[in-house]
Amino acid sequence: MIDKSMKVSSATTRYIRIGPTKFERLLSKIRGQSYKEAMDVLKSTHEKVAAVIWKTVYSATSSAREKYKCKRESLLISEAFINNGPMLKRMRPRAKGRAAAIQKKFSHLTIRVSVLPELSKQEQKIEPSILVRKEVPNEQTIENTQLILLNGNDGKKEEQYFQDFFNMHYIPEITKIIRKRESVSAST
C-alpha cells in the first residue's frame, strides 16, 4: 500500500485488446523494481504485452519527472495491476446447427511509480558489501571462477576498487602462467 506522504505518479492504459491473464506474469516481475531494472526486464522479454507495459511505465515515469523534478533512476514501480475491461461476445458455428460463445477480452493497465527518498551524505557512504567475480588462473585453464566477497570500498568508486583488486590479484598470477608456458615452449 502507498503511504500518503510519498510522491506518486500513475499512468493508465485502457481498452487494451489483450486478456488480463496474459499481463500478470510480466507484471509480477516488475512490481517493486526500480525503473532501470524494470526496463531491462521489459526489453529482454519478447511478448506483445511487454510493449504495452513499457509504454505505460515510460508514461508514468515521464509524469513523475515533470511533477516532482526527479531523475528516472530515483523512481520505483510501487504498484502495477491489470483490470478487466469490457468483453465483446461473438458466436462461432459448431456442429448440428449449434453455436459456441467467444469472449474477446479487453484490459485496463495501471502503473504507479513512486519517488525514492534521497539518502543523506552519511547514509550514502555506508554501502553494502560488493560481490565480485574473480577468475582464479590455473595452469590448465583460466576459466575457473569463484565469488569473493569484498567488504566495504573505502570511499572509492566501485570501478576504481575493482581495478585496484584486478591489478593486485590478476596480473601477478597471469604473468607467472605466461612465463611458465614460455619456458616450457622454449625448452621443447
Protein backbone atom coordinates (compact mmCIF):
# COMPACT_ATOMS: atom_id res chain seq x y z
CA MET A 1 0.00 0.00 0.00
CA ILE A 2 1.19 3.51 -0.73
CA ASP A 3 1.89 5.97 2.07
CA LYS A 4 0.11 9.34 1.69
CA SER A 5 3.37 11.27 2.17
CA MET A 6 5.10 9.50 -0.75
CA LYS A 7 5.42 11.20 -4.12
CA VAL A 8 3.42 9.02 -6.50
CA SER A 9 2.59 9.32 -10.17
CA SER A 10 0.47 6.94 -12.21
CA ALA A 11 -0.41 6.12 -15.78
CA THR A 12 -3.29 4.04 -17.11
CA THR A 13 -3.70 2.43 -20.49
CA ARG A 14 -7.29 1.47 -21.15
CA TYR A 15 -9.07 -0.80 -23.62
CA ILE A 16 -6.07 -2.97 -24.45
CA ARG A 17 -7.18 -5.76 -26.76
CA ILE A 18 -5.32 -8.47 -24.79
CA GLY A 19 -6.77 -10.60 -21.99
CA PRO A 20 -5.78 -9.68 -18.42
CA THR A 21 -4.27 -13.07 -17.52
CA LYS A 22 -1.50 -12.61 -20.11
CA PHE A 23 -0.26 -9.49 -18.29
CA GLU A 24 0.05 -10.90 -14.79
CA ARG A 25 3.21 -12.97 -15.31
CA LEU A 26 5.20 -9.98 -16.54
CA LEU A 27 3.69 -7.53 -14.06
CA SER A 28 4.79 -9.71 -11.15
CA LYS A 29 8.40 -9.46 -12.42
CA ILE A 30 8.50 -5.65 -12.50
CA ARG A 31 6.41 -4.92 -9.39
CA GLY A 32 8.66 -3.37 -6.71
CA GLN A 33 11.61 -2.94 -9.09
CA SER A 34 13.48 0.26 -9.86
CA TYR A 35 12.85 1.95 -13.20
CA LYS A 36 16.10 0.68 -14.73
CA GLU A 37 15.58 -2.93 -13.61
CA ALA A 38 12.00 -2.93 -14.88
CA MET A 39 13.04 -1.57 -18.28
CA ASP A 40 15.76 -4.23 -18.56
CA VAL A 41 13.16 -6.94 -17.88
CA LEU A 42 10.73 -5.45 -20.41
CA LYS A 43 13.37 -5.00 -23.13
CA SER A 44 14.56 -8.59 -22.79
CA THR A 45 11.02 -10.02 -23.00
CA HIS A 46 9.67 -10.76 -26.47
CA GLU A 47 5.96 -10.73 -25.74
CA LYS A 48 3.25 -8.46 -27.09
CA VAL A 49 2.28 -7.36 -23.56
CA ALA A 50 5.85 -6.16 -22.83
CA ALA A 51 5.49 -3.33 -25.36
CA VAL A 52 2.21 -2.16 -23.81
CA ILE A 53 3.65 -2.30 -20.28
CA TRP A 54 6.81 -0.48 -21.44
CA LYS A 55 4.74 2.40 -22.85
CA THR A 56 2.72 2.70 -19.65
CA VAL A 57 5.79 2.60 -17.38
CA TYR A 58 7.51 5.20 -19.55
CA SER A 59 4.42 7.42 -19.38
CA ALA A 60 4.24 7.11 -15.58
CA THR A 61 7.93 7.93 -15.15
CA SER A 62 7.69 10.91 -17.52
CA SER A 63 4.76 12.19 -15.49
CA ALA A 64 6.74 11.79 -12.25
CA ARG A 65 9.73 13.61 -13.73
CA GLU A 66 7.56 16.57 -14.76
CA LYS A 67 5.62 16.62 -11.50
CA TYR A 68 8.45 16.15 -8.97
CA LYS A 69 11.57 17.20 -10.97
CA CYS A 70 13.43 13.95 -10.25
CA LYS A 71 15.65 11.57 -12.22
CA ARG A 72 14.37 8.30 -13.65
CA GLU A 73 16.97 6.40 -11.59
CA SER A 74 15.26 7.51 -8.37
CA LEU A 75 11.88 6.02 -9.36
CA LEU A 76 10.40 2.76 -8.12
CA ILE A 77 7.44 0.86 -9.56
CA SER A 78 5.30 0.71 -6.45
CA GLU A 79 2.13 -0.75 -7.99
CA ALA A 80 1.33 -2.50 -11.24
CA PHE A 81 -2.03 -4.10 -11.80
CA ILE A 82 -4.42 -5.11 -14.55
CA ASN A 83 -8.21 -4.91 -14.50
CA ASN A 84 -10.85 -6.47 -16.71
CA GLY A 85 -12.25 -4.26 -19.41
CA PRO A 86 -15.37 -4.79 -21.48
CA MET A 87 -15.87 -8.04 -23.34
CA LEU A 88 -17.01 -8.48 -26.91
CA LYS A 89 -19.26 -11.51 -27.25
CA ARG A 90 -19.22 -13.33 -30.55
CA MET A 91 -20.63 -16.63 -31.74
CA ARG A 92 -18.84 -19.42 -33.52
CA PRO A 93 -20.76 -22.02 -35.50
CA ARG A 94 -20.48 -25.59 -34.22
CA ALA A 95 -21.77 -28.98 -35.31
CA LYS A 96 -25.51 -29.75 -35.68
CA GLY A 97 -26.50 -26.09 -36.00
CA ARG A 98 -25.30 -25.11 -32.55
CA ALA A 99 -23.22 -22.05 -31.64
CA ALA A 100 -20.39 -21.58 -29.17
CA ALA A 101 -19.65 -18.29 -27.41
CA ILE A 102 -16.36 -16.48 -28.00
CA GLN A 103 -15.28 -13.86 -25.48
CA LYS A 104 -12.93 -11.19 -26.80
CA LYS A 105 -11.49 -9.62 -23.65
CA PHE A 106 -10.13 -6.14 -23.06
CA SER A 107 -7.90 -4.93 -20.21
CA HIS A 108 -7.06 -1.76 -18.31
CA LEU A 109 -3.42 -1.47 -17.15
CA THR A 110 -2.39 0.84 -14.28
CA ILE A 111 1.21 1.54 -13.24
CA ARG A 112 2.06 3.66 -10.18
CA VAL A 113 5.57 4.98 -9.76
CA SER A 114 6.92 6.44 -6.53
CA VAL A 115 9.96 8.61 -5.94
CA LEU A 116 12.57 7.08 -3.65
CA PRO A 117 13.58 9.37 -0.79
CA GLU A 118 17.03 10.92 -1.16
CA LEU A 119 19.71 9.48 1.12
CA SER A 120 21.78 11.78 3.28
CA LYS A 121 25.55 12.03 2.66
CA GLN A 122 26.25 9.85 5.70
CA GLU A 123 23.85 7.11 4.53
CA GLN A 124 25.40 7.12 1.04
CA LYS A 125 28.87 6.37 2.50
CA ILE A 126 27.62 3.17 4.13
CA GLU A 127 27.39 0.75 1.24
CA PRO A 128 26.71 -2.97 1.38
CA SER A 129 29.45 -5.42 0.56
CA ILE A 130 30.31 -5.79 -3.09
CA LEU A 131 30.15 -9.18 -4.75
CA VAL A 132 32.93 -9.54 -7.31
CA ARG A 133 33.59 -12.42 -9.68
CA LYS A 134 37.28 -13.30 -9.66
CA GLU A 135 38.91 -15.61 -12.16
CA VAL A 136 41.49 -17.82 -10.50
CA PRO A 137 44.23 -18.60 -13.02
CA ASN A 138 45.35 -22.21 -13.22
CA GLU A 139 47.98 -23.95 -15.34
CA GLN A 140 45.34 -25.80 -17.36
CA THR A 141 42.62 -23.16 -17.51
CA ILE A 142 41.94 -19.59 -16.55
CA GLU A 143 38.18 -20.09 -16.59
CA ASN A 144 37.81 -21.45 -13.04
CA THR A 145 35.80 -18.88 -11.16
CA GLN A 146 34.90 -18.22 -7.60
CA LEU A 147 32.97 -15.48 -5.90
CA ILE A 148 34.82 -13.35 -3.43
CA LEU A 149 33.01 -11.07 -1.06
CA LEU A 150 34.78 -7.79 -0.57
CA ASN A 151 33.69 -5.79 2.46
CA GLY A 152 33.43 -2.04 2.00
CA ASN A 153 35.25 0.04 -0.58
CA ASP A 154 37.00 2.72 1.50
CA GLY A 155 35.06 5.53 -0.21
CA LYS A 156 36.33 4.67 -3.71
CA LYS A 157 34.04 4.16 -6.64
CA GLU A 158 33.23 0.52 -7.42
CA GLU A 159 35.06 0.66 -10.74
CA GLN A 160 38.26 2.00 -9.19
CA TYR A 161 38.03 -0.54 -6.37
CA PHE A 162 37.60 -3.37 -8.88
CA GLN A 163 40.52 -2.04 -10.96
CA ASP A 164 42.79 -1.99 -7.88
CA PHE A 165 41.64 -5.51 -7.00
CA PHE A 166 42.34 -6.70 -10.56
CA ASN A 167 45.83 -5.17 -10.63
CA MET A 168 46.69 -6.65 -7.25
CA HIS A 169 45.43 -10.21 -7.87
CA TYR A 170 45.21 -10.99 -11.57
CA ILE A 171 48.35 -9.55 -13.14
CA PRO A 172 50.99 -11.31 -10.97
CA GLU A 173 49.28 -14.71 -11.35
CA ILE A 174 48.74 -14.34 -15.09
CA THR A 175 52.36 -13.28 -15.68
CA LYS A 176 53.56 -16.35 -13.75
CA ILE A 177 51.50 -18.63 -16.01
CA ILE A 178 52.71 -16.89 -19.18
CA ARG A 179 56.36 -17.17 -18.07
CA LYS A 180 55.90 -20.88 -17.29
CA ARG A 181 54.35 -21.52 -20.71
CA GLU A 182 57.12 -19.57 -22.44
CA SER A 183 59.80 -21.52 -20.59
CA VAL A 184 58.10 -24.82 -21.47
CA SER A 185 57.75 -23.87 -25.14
CA ALA A 186 61.38 -22.60 -25.26
CA SER A 187 62.73 -25.84 -23.80
CA THR A 188 60.92 -28.00 -26.40
